[in-house]
Each structure stands twice: as structure tokens, then as C-alpha cells.
Amino acid sequence: MSIAEPLGMYDLIVNTIAGNEIVFTFMATIFISTLAAKFHMPKIVFLIMIALFGIIFSAYIGGLYLILILLSGFAIFSALGKVFT
């Protein structure tokens, strides 16, 4: 029987919603990119925001993961920016 701790936010958010860290970070990258494109953020502000997000989550996975988050986030932001204009 599995018991969830009331303040175990890592288990509640990452494991319950996505299953593991990799899937959760890609879901969060898509979510952040969608919101940034919807609210017409400037590209430099989005780049700083996604870089900070990537630095935080690259501690869990590894250094090359930061580049993957930056590239995928910026590609999603650029594609959705054309949809929301």
C-alpha cells in the first residue's frame, strides 16, 4: 500500500503527474512555452526564463540536458508564437 506524505511535493507533483523527471520537465517546458507564446513575451525574456528552468532541472538529469531543454523550449515557443499571432 502506498501512502503519500502531505508535504512530499516532489512525489506529489513529479511522480503522480508525469511518472519521472524527464517526462515532467518536457511537460513543464511545453506548458511554459505555451504560456509565453500566448502572452507574447519577448524572446530574450523567454530565453532567460527557460534557461533558469533548465539549470534547475539539469541538476537532476545531467549537463547536456540543459541544451535539450533550451532547444526544445525555444522551438516550441517559436512555433506557438506564430499560432497565437
PDB file of N, CA and C in Angstrom:
ATOM      1  N   MET A   1       0.846  -1.180   0.000  1.00  0.00           N
ATOM      2  CA  MET A   1       0.000   0.000   0.000  1.00  0.00           C
ATOM      3  C   MET A   1       0.884   1.233   0.000  1.00  0.00           C
ATOM      4  N   SER A   2       0.573   2.162  -0.841  1.00  0.00           N
ATOM      5  CA  SER A   2       1.366   3.377  -0.958  1.00  0.00           C
ATOM      6  C   SER A   2       0.691   4.519  -0.214  1.00  0.00           C
ATOM      7  N   ILE A   3       1.464   5.197   0.592  1.00  0.00           N
ATOM      8  CA  ILE A   3       0.958   6.334   1.358  1.00  0.00           C
ATOM      9  C   ILE A   3       1.684   7.581   0.887  1.00  0.00           C
ATOM     10  N   ALA A   4       0.943   8.632   0.533  1.00  0.00           N
ATOM     11  CA  ALA A   4       1.538   9.900   0.111  1.00  0.00           C
ATOM     12  C   ALA A   4       1.718  10.793   1.320  1.00  0.00           C
ATOM     13  N   GLU A   5       2.913  11.345   1.448  1.00  0.00           N
ATOM     14  CA  GLU A   5       3.160  12.291   2.530  1.00  0.00           C
ATOM     15  C   GLU A   5       2.494  13.624   2.179  1.00  0.00           C
ATOM     16  N   PRO A   6       1.946  14.317   3.166  1.00  0.00           N
ATOM     17  CA  PRO A   6       1.231  15.552   2.856  1.00  0.00           C
ATOM     18  C   PRO A   6       2.122  16.658   2.312  1.00  0.00           C
ATOM     19  N   LEU A   7       3.384  16.726   2.717  1.00  0.00           N
ATOM     20  CA  LEU A   7       4.268  17.779   2.238  1.00  0.00           C
ATOM     21  C   LEU A   7       5.364  17.241   1.323  1.00  0.00           C
ATOM     22  N   GLY A   8       5.219  16.036   0.830  1.00  0.00           N
ATOM     23  CA  GLY A   8       6.188  15.484  -0.119  1.00  0.00           C
ATOM     24  C   GLY A   8       5.873  15.972  -1.513  1.00  0.00           C
ATOM     25  N   MET A   9       6.172  17.233  -1.794  1.00  0.00           N
ATOM     26  CA  MET A   9       5.770  17.860  -3.047  1.00  0.00           C
ATOM     27  C   MET A   9       6.432  17.214  -4.255  1.00  0.00           C
ATOM     28  N   TYR A  10       7.649  16.729  -4.097  1.00  0.00           N
ATOM     29  CA  TYR A  10       8.326  16.075  -5.214  1.00  0.00           C
ATOM     30  C   TYR A  10       7.542  14.844  -5.653  1.00  0.00           C
ATOM     31  N   ASP A  11       7.165  14.022  -4.715  1.00  0.00           N
ATOM     32  CA  ASP A  11       6.406  12.822  -5.056  1.00  0.00           C
ATOM     33  C   ASP A  11       5.035  13.173  -5.613  1.00  0.00           C
ATOM     34  N   LEU A  12       4.387  14.149  -5.019  1.00  0.00           N
ATOM     35  CA  LEU A  12       3.049  14.511  -5.477  1.00  0.00           C
ATOM     36  C   LEU A  12       3.049  15.102  -6.884  1.00  0.00           C
ATOM     37  N   ILE A  13       3.990  15.988  -7.154  1.00  0.00           N
ATOM     38  CA  ILE A  13       3.979  16.673  -8.444  1.00  0.00           C
ATOM     39  C   ILE A  13       4.637  15.842  -9.532  1.00  0.00           C
ATOM     40  N   VAL A  14       5.864  15.418  -9.296  1.00  0.00           N
ATOM     41  CA  VAL A  14       6.611  14.752 -10.363  1.00  0.00           C
ATOM     42  C   VAL A  14       6.121  13.334 -10.608  1.00  0.00           C
ATOM     43  N   ASN A  15       6.046  12.526  -9.594  1.00  0.00           N
ATOM     44  CA  ASN A  15       5.707  11.123  -9.793  1.00  0.00           C
ATOM     45  C   ASN A  15       4.227  10.898 -10.087  1.00  0.00           C
ATOM     46  N   THR A  16       3.352  11.682  -9.472  1.00  0.00           N
ATOM     47  CA  THR A  16       1.923  11.490  -9.689  1.00  0.00           C
ATOM     48  C   THR A  16       1.483  12.011 -11.049  1.00  0.00           C
ATOM     49  N   ILE A  17       1.960  13.179 -11.439  1.00  0.00           N
ATOM     50  CA  ILE A  17       1.519  13.784 -12.696  1.00  0.00           C
ATOM     51  C   ILE A  17       2.180  13.127 -13.902  1.00  0.00           C
ATOM     52  N   ALA A  18       3.505  12.982 -13.863  1.00  0.00           N
ATOM     53  CA  ALA A  18       4.209  12.567 -15.070  1.00  0.00           C
ATOM     54  C   ALA A  18       4.827  11.178 -14.994  1.00  0.00           C
ATOM     55  N   GLY A  19       5.251  10.751 -13.859  1.00  0.00           N
ATOM     56  CA  GLY A  19       5.870   9.435 -13.748  1.00  0.00           C
ATOM     57  C   GLY A  19       7.346   9.482 -13.440  1.00  0.00           C
ATOM     58  N   ASN A  20       8.102  10.360 -14.098  1.00  0.00           N
ATOM     59  CA  ASN A  20       9.515  10.539 -13.782  1.00  0.00           C
ATOM     60  C   ASN A  20       9.949  11.960 -14.138  1.00  0.00           C
ATOM     61  N   GLU A  21      11.229  12.276 -13.863  1.00  0.00           N
ATOM     62  CA  GLU A  21      11.705  13.647 -14.028  1.00  0.00           C
ATOM     63  C   GLU A  21      11.754  14.081 -15.485  1.00  0.00           C
ATOM     64  N   ILE A  22      12.126  13.178 -16.369  1.00  0.00           N
ATOM     65  CA  ILE A  22      12.290  13.545 -17.771  1.00  0.00           C
ATOM     66  C   ILE A  22      10.950  13.939 -18.401  1.00  0.00           C
ATOM     67  N   VAL A  23       9.933  13.134 -18.180  1.00  0.00           N
ATOM     68  CA  VAL A  23       8.611  13.439 -18.732  1.00  0.00           C
ATOM     69  C   VAL A  23       8.056  14.715 -18.105  1.00  0.00           C
ATOM     70  N   PHE A  24       8.276  14.895 -16.804  1.00  0.00           N
ATOM     71  CA  PHE A  24       7.777  16.093 -16.137  1.00  0.00           C
ATOM     72  C   PHE A  24       8.435  17.355 -16.683  1.00  0.00           C
ATOM     73  N   THR A  25       9.744  17.334 -16.915  1.00  0.00           N
ATOM     74  CA  THR A  25      10.402  18.538 -17.417  1.00  0.00           C
ATOM     75  C   THR A  25       9.964  18.866 -18.839  1.00  0.00           C
ATOM     76  N   PHE A  26       9.720  17.863 -19.672  1.00  0.00           N
ATOM     77  CA  PHE A  26       9.219  18.163 -21.012  1.00  0.00           C
ATOM     78  C   PHE A  26       7.786  18.676 -20.973  1.00  0.00           C
ATOM     79  N   MET A  27       6.964  18.139 -20.084  1.00  0.00           N
ATOM     80  CA  MET A  27       5.606  18.676 -19.931  1.00  0.00           C
ATOM     81  C   MET A  27       5.655  20.123 -19.437  1.00  0.00           C
ATOM     82  N   ALA A  28       6.535  20.399 -18.493  1.00  0.00           N
ATOM     83  CA  ALA A  28       6.666  21.761 -17.973  1.00  0.00           C
ATOM     84  C   ALA A  28       7.240  22.700 -19.024  1.00  0.00           C
ATOM     85  N   THR A  29       8.168  22.227 -19.855  1.00  0.00           N
ATOM     86  CA  THR A  29       8.715  23.048 -20.930  1.00  0.00           C
ATOM     87  C   THR A  29       7.637  23.413 -21.947  1.00  0.00           C
ATOM     88  N   ILE A  30       6.816  22.456 -22.306  1.00  0.00           N
ATOM     89  CA  ILE A  30       5.708  22.730 -23.224  1.00  0.00           C
ATOM     90  C   ILE A  30       4.723  23.720 -22.607  1.00  0.00           C
ATOM     91  N   PHE A  31       4.428  23.555 -21.324  1.00  0.00           N
ATOM     92  CA  PHE A  31       3.498  24.454 -20.637  1.00  0.00           C
ATOM     93  C   PHE A  31       4.050  25.875 -20.559  1.00  0.00           C
ATOM     94  N   ILE A  32       5.324  26.016 -20.191  1.00  0.00           N
ATOM     95  CA  ILE A  32       5.942  27.345 -20.091  1.00  0.00           C
ATOM     96  C   ILE A  32       6.018  27.995 -21.467  1.00  0.00           C
ATOM     97  N   SER A  33       6.378  27.237 -22.485  1.00  0.00           N
ATOM     98  CA  SER A  33       6.468  27.787 -23.839  1.00  0.00           C
ATOM     99  C   SER A  33       5.103  28.224 -24.354  1.00  0.00           C
ATOM    100  N   THR A  34       4.078  27.454 -24.051  1.00  0.00           N
ATOM    101  CA  THR A  34       2.728  27.817 -24.483  1.00  0.00           C
ATOM    102  C   THR A  34       2.256  29.097 -23.820  1.00  0.00           C
ATOM    103  N   LEU A  35       2.473  29.208 -22.519  1.00  0.00           N
ATOM    104  CA  LEU A  35       2.069  30.440 -21.824  1.00  0.00           C
ATOM    105  C   LEU A  35       2.846  31.647 -22.311  1.00  0.00           C
ATOM    106  N   ALA A  36       4.138  31.489 -22.547  1.00  0.00           N
ATOM    107  CA  ALA A  36       4.951  32.606 -23.027  1.00  0.00           C
ATOM    108  C   ALA A  36       4.506  33.044 -24.423  1.00  0.00           C
ATOM    109  N   ALA A  37       4.175  32.095 -25.277  1.00  0.00           N
ATOM    110  CA  ALA A  37       3.714  32.454 -26.622  1.00  0.00           C
ATOM    111  C   ALA A  37       2.336  33.089 -26.580  1.00  0.00           C
ATOM    112  N   LYS A  38       1.475  32.598 -25.707  1.00  0.00           N
ATOM    113  CA  LYS A  38       0.121  33.154 -25.616  1.00  0.00           C
ATOM    114  C   LYS A  38       0.133  34.597 -25.130  1.00  0.00           C
ATOM    115  N   PHE A  39       1.042  34.909 -24.188  1.00  0.00           N
ATOM    116  CA  PHE A  39       1.106  36.267 -23.653  1.00  0.00           C
ATOM    117  C   PHE A  39       2.124  37.143 -24.372  1.00  0.00           C
ATOM    118  N   HIS A  40       2.633  36.694 -25.529  1.00  0.00           N
ATOM    119  CA  HIS A  40       3.519  37.465 -26.398  1.00  0.00           C
ATOM    120  C   HIS A  40       4.741  38.003 -25.657  1.00  0.00           C
ATOM    121  N   MET A  41       5.445  37.123 -24.951  1.00  0.00           N
ATOM    122  CA  MET A  41       6.678  37.519 -24.268  1.00  0.00           C
ATOM    123  C   MET A  41       7.765  37.809 -25.290  1.00  0.00           C
ATOM    124  N   PRO A  42       8.639  38.765 -24.991  1.00  0.00           N
ATOM    125  CA  PRO A  42       9.803  38.956 -25.873  1.00  0.00           C
ATOM    126  C   PRO A  42      10.722  37.735 -25.812  1.00  0.00           C
ATOM    127  N   LYS A  43      11.454  37.508 -26.891  1.00  0.00           N
ATOM    128  CA  LYS A  43      12.282  36.306 -26.973  1.00  0.00           C
ATOM    129  C   LYS A  43      13.394  36.289 -25.925  1.00  0.00           C
ATOM    130  N   ILE A  44      13.955  37.431 -25.589  1.00  0.00           N
ATOM    131  CA  ILE A  44      15.051  37.463 -24.613  1.00  0.00           C
ATOM    132  C   ILE A  44      14.534  37.124 -23.214  1.00  0.00           C
ATOM    133  N   VAL A  45      13.335  37.574 -22.883  1.00  0.00           N
ATOM    134  CA  VAL A  45      12.754  37.253 -21.570  1.00  0.00           C
ATOM    135  C   VAL A  45      12.454  35.763 -21.487  1.00  0.00           C
ATOM    136  N   PHE A  46      11.907  35.216 -22.559  1.00  0.00           N
ATOM    137  CA  PHE A  46      11.625  33.782 -22.569  1.00  0.00           C
ATOM    138  C   PHE A  46      12.912  32.972 -22.490  1.00  0.00           C
ATOM    139  N   LEU A  47      13.949  33.412 -23.192  1.00  0.00           N
ATOM    140  CA  LEU A  47      15.213  32.690 -23.177  1.00  0.00           C
ATOM    141  C   LEU A  47      15.819  32.660 -21.778  1.00  0.00           C
ATOM    142  N   ILE A  48      15.757  33.773 -21.068  1.00  0.00           N
ATOM    143  CA  ILE A  48      16.255  33.812 -19.691  1.00  0.00           C
ATOM    144  C   ILE A  48      15.418  32.910 -18.794  1.00  0.00           C
ATOM    145  N   MET A  49      14.112  32.940 -18.965  1.00  0.00           N
ATOM    146  CA  MET A  49      13.225  32.126 -18.130  1.00  0.00           C
ATOM    147  C   MET A  49      13.438  30.637 -18.376  1.00  0.00           C
ATOM    148  N   ILE A  50      13.539  30.221 -19.616  1.00  0.00           N
ATOM    149  CA  ILE A  50      13.720  28.803 -19.906  1.00  0.00           C
ATOM    150  C   ILE A  50      15.135  28.354 -19.541  1.00  0.00           C
ATOM    151  N   ALA A  51      16.113  29.256 -19.610  1.00  0.00           N
ATOM    152  CA  ALA A  51      17.475  28.907 -19.184  1.00  0.00           C
ATOM    153  C   ALA A  51      17.523  28.650 -17.677  1.00  0.00           C
ATOM    154  N   LEU A  52      16.864  29.477 -16.907  1.00  0.00           N
ATOM    155  CA  LEU A  52      16.808  29.252 -15.459  1.00  0.00           C
ATOM    156  C   LEU A  52      16.073  27.957 -15.124  1.00  0.00           C
ATOM    157  N   PHE A  53      15.000  27.691 -15.829  1.00  0.00           N
ATOM    158  CA  PHE A  53      14.272  26.438 -15.638  1.00  0.00           C
ATOM    159  C   PHE A  53      15.155  25.243 -15.981  1.00  0.00           C
ATOM    160  N   GLY A  54      15.906  25.355 -17.075  1.00  0.00           N
ATOM    161  CA  GLY A  54      16.797  24.277 -17.475  1.00  0.00           C
ATOM    162  C   GLY A  54      17.932  24.051 -16.497  1.00  0.00           C
ATOM    163  N   ILE A  55      18.474  25.122 -15.943  1.00  0.00           N
ATOM    164  CA  ILE A  55      19.553  24.992 -14.962  1.00  0.00           C
ATOM    165  C   ILE A  55      19.048  24.298 -13.705  1.00  0.00           C
ATOM    166  N   ILE A  56      17.860  24.621 -13.294  1.00  0.00           N
ATOM    167  CA  ILE A  56      17.295  23.995 -12.101  1.00  0.00           C
ATOM    168  C   ILE A  56      17.098  22.502 -12.313  1.00  0.00           C
ATOM    169  N   PHE A  57      16.533  22.110 -13.440  1.00  0.00           N
ATOM    170  CA  PHE A  57      16.239  20.699 -13.660  1.00  0.00           C
ATOM    171  C   PHE A  57      17.405  19.909 -14.233  1.00  0.00           C
ATOM    172  N   SER A  58      18.455  20.574 -14.720  1.00  0.00           N
ATOM    173  CA  SER A  58      19.606  19.813 -15.201  1.00  0.00           C
ATOM    174  C   SER A  58      20.394  19.210 -14.045  1.00  0.00           C
ATOM    175  N   ALA A  59      20.163  19.673 -12.844  1.00  0.00           N
ATOM    176  CA  ALA A  59      20.812  19.069 -11.679  1.00  0.00           C
ATOM    177  C   ALA A  59      20.303  17.648 -11.460  1.00  0.00           C
ATOM    178  N   TYR A  60      19.069  17.363 -11.859  1.00  0.00           N
ATOM    179  CA  TYR A  60      18.515  16.022 -11.684  1.00  0.00           C
ATOM    180  C   TYR A  60      18.982  15.057 -12.767  1.00  0.00           C
ATOM    181  N   ILE A  61      19.178  15.553 -13.978  1.00  0.00           N
ATOM    182  CA  ILE A  61      19.431  14.665 -15.110  1.00  0.00           C
ATOM    183  C   ILE A  61      20.895  14.711 -15.551  1.00  0.00           C
ATOM    184  N   GLY A  62      21.429  15.875 -15.843  1.00  0.00           N
ATOM    185  CA  GLY A  62      22.804  15.997 -16.315  1.00  0.00           C
ATOM    186  C   GLY A  62      23.012  17.281 -17.094  1.00  0.00           C
ATOM    187  N   GLY A  63      24.252  17.556 -17.465  1.00  0.00           N
ATOM    188  CA  GLY A  63      24.602  18.815 -18.101  1.00  0.00           C
ATOM    189  C   GLY A  63      24.089  18.970 -19.515  1.00  0.00           C
ATOM    190  N   LEU A  64      24.125  17.928 -20.321  1.00  0.00           N
ATOM    191  CA  LEU A  64      23.653  18.038 -21.698  1.00  0.00           C
ATOM    192  C   LEU A  64      22.146  18.215 -21.784  1.00  0.00           C
ATOM    193  N   TYR A  65      21.472  17.907 -20.709  1.00  0.00           N
ATOM    194  CA  TYR A  65      20.025  18.054 -20.677  1.00  0.00           C
ATOM    195  C   TYR A  65      19.612  19.516 -20.761  1.00  0.00           C
ATOM    196  N   LEU A  66      20.467  20.423 -20.280  1.00  0.00           N
ATOM    197  CA  LEU A  66      20.189  21.858 -20.347  1.00  0.00           C
ATOM    198  C   LEU A  66      20.060  22.313 -21.794  1.00  0.00           C
ATOM    199  N   ILE A  67      20.937  21.841 -22.658  1.00  0.00           N
ATOM    200  CA  ILE A  67      20.884  22.219 -24.073  1.00  0.00           C
ATOM    201  C   ILE A  67      19.597  21.695 -24.716  1.00  0.00           C
ATOM    202  N   LEU A  68      19.204  20.496 -24.355  1.00  0.00           N
ATOM    203  CA  LEU A  68      17.973  19.920 -24.905  1.00  0.00           C
ATOM    204  C   LEU A  68      16.746  20.714 -24.477  1.00  0.00           C
ATOM    205  N   ILE A  69      16.701  21.142 -23.222  1.00  0.00           N
ATOM    206  CA  ILE A  69      15.582  21.958 -22.746  1.00  0.00           C
ATOM    207  C   ILE A  69      15.559  23.299 -23.462  1.00  0.00           C
ATOM    208  N   LEU A  70      16.720  23.926 -23.626  1.00  0.00           N
ATOM    209  CA  LEU A  70      16.763  25.221 -24.302  1.00  0.00           C
ATOM    210  C   LEU A  70      16.302  25.117 -25.754  1.00  0.00           C
ATOM    211  N   LEU A  71      16.811  24.129 -26.469  1.00  0.00           N
ATOM    212  CA  LEU A  71      16.449  23.996 -27.884  1.00  0.00           C
ATOM    213  C   LEU A  71      14.981  23.626 -28.078  1.00  0.00           C
ATOM    214  N   SER A  72      14.500  22.675 -27.297  1.00  0.00           N
ATOM    215  CA  SER A  72      13.102  22.272 -27.464  1.00  0.00           C
ATOM    216  C   SER A  72      12.156  23.380 -27.001  1.00  0.00           C
ATOM    217  N   GLY A  73      12.489  24.055 -25.923  1.00  0.00           N
ATOM    218  CA  GLY A  73      11.641  25.142 -25.442  1.00  0.00           C
ATOM    219  C   GLY A  73      11.565  26.290 -26.428  1.00  0.00           C
ATOM    220  N   PHE A  74      12.707  26.655 -27.021  1.00  0.00           N
ATOM    221  CA  PHE A  74      12.698  27.759 -27.971  1.00  0.00           C
ATOM    222  C   PHE A  74      11.993  27.373 -29.260  1.00  0.00           C
ATOM    223  N   ALA A  75      12.114  26.121 -29.678  1.00  0.00           N
ATOM    224  CA  ALA A  75      11.403  25.671 -30.884  1.00  0.00           C
ATOM    225  C   ALA A  75       9.891  25.684 -30.669  1.00  0.00           C
ATOM    226  N   ILE A  76       9.450  25.233 -29.506  1.00  0.00           N
ATOM    227  CA  ILE A  76       8.022  25.240 -29.195  1.00  0.00           C
ATOM    228  C   ILE A  76       7.502  26.670 -29.095  1.00  0.00           C
ATOM    229  N   PHE A  77       8.300  27.549 -28.460  1.00  0.00           N
ATOM    230  CA  PHE A  77       7.914  28.949 -28.325  1.00  0.00           C
ATOM    231  C   PHE A  77       7.789  29.620 -29.687  1.00  0.00           C
ATOM    232  N   SER A  78       8.725  29.363 -30.577  1.00  0.00           N
ATOM    233  CA  SER A  78       8.677  29.975 -31.903  1.00  0.00           C
ATOM    234  C   SER A  78       7.495  29.464 -32.715  1.00  0.00           C
ATOM    235  N   ALA A  79       7.237  28.176 -32.642  1.00  0.00           N
ATOM    236  CA  ALA A  79       6.120  27.598 -33.389  1.00  0.00           C
ATOM    237  C   ALA A  79       4.778  28.105 -32.858  1.00  0.00           C
ATOM    238  N   LEU A  80       4.628  28.129 -31.551  1.00  0.00           N
ATOM    239  CA  LEU A  80       3.364  28.576 -30.990  1.00  0.00           C
ATOM    240  C   LEU A  80       3.198  30.086 -31.062  1.00  0.00           C
ATOM    241  N   GLY A  81       4.303  30.819 -31.144  1.00  0.00           N
ATOM    242  CA  GLY A  81       4.219  32.259 -31.324  1.00  0.00           C
ATOM    243  C   GLY A  81       3.555  32.632 -32.647  1.00  0.00           C
ATOM    244  N   LYS A  82       3.770  31.802 -33.664  1.00  0.00           N
ATOM    245  CA  LYS A  82       3.131  32.041 -34.953  1.00  0.00           C
ATOM    246  C   LYS A  82       1.649  31.657 -34.907  1.00  0.00           C
ATOM    247  N   VAL A  83       1.293  30.713 -34.077  1.00  0.00           N
ATOM    248  CA  VAL A  83      -0.100  30.293 -33.971  1.00  0.00           C
ATOM    249  C   VAL A  83      -0.934  31.348 -33.239  1.00  0.00           C
ATOM    250  N   PHE A  84      -0.381  31.933 -32.174  1.00  0.00           N
ATOM    251  CA  PHE A  84      -1.141  32.865 -31.348  1.00  0.00           C
ATOM    252  C   PHE A  84      -1.119  34.300 -31.863  1.00  0.00           C
ATOM    253  N   THR A  85      -0.450  34.576 -32.999  1.00  0.00           N
ATOM    254  CA  THR A  85      -0.446  35.955 -33.510  1.00  0.00           C
ATOM    255  C   THR A  85      -1.524  36.172 -34.525  1.00  0.00           C
TER     256      THR A  85
END
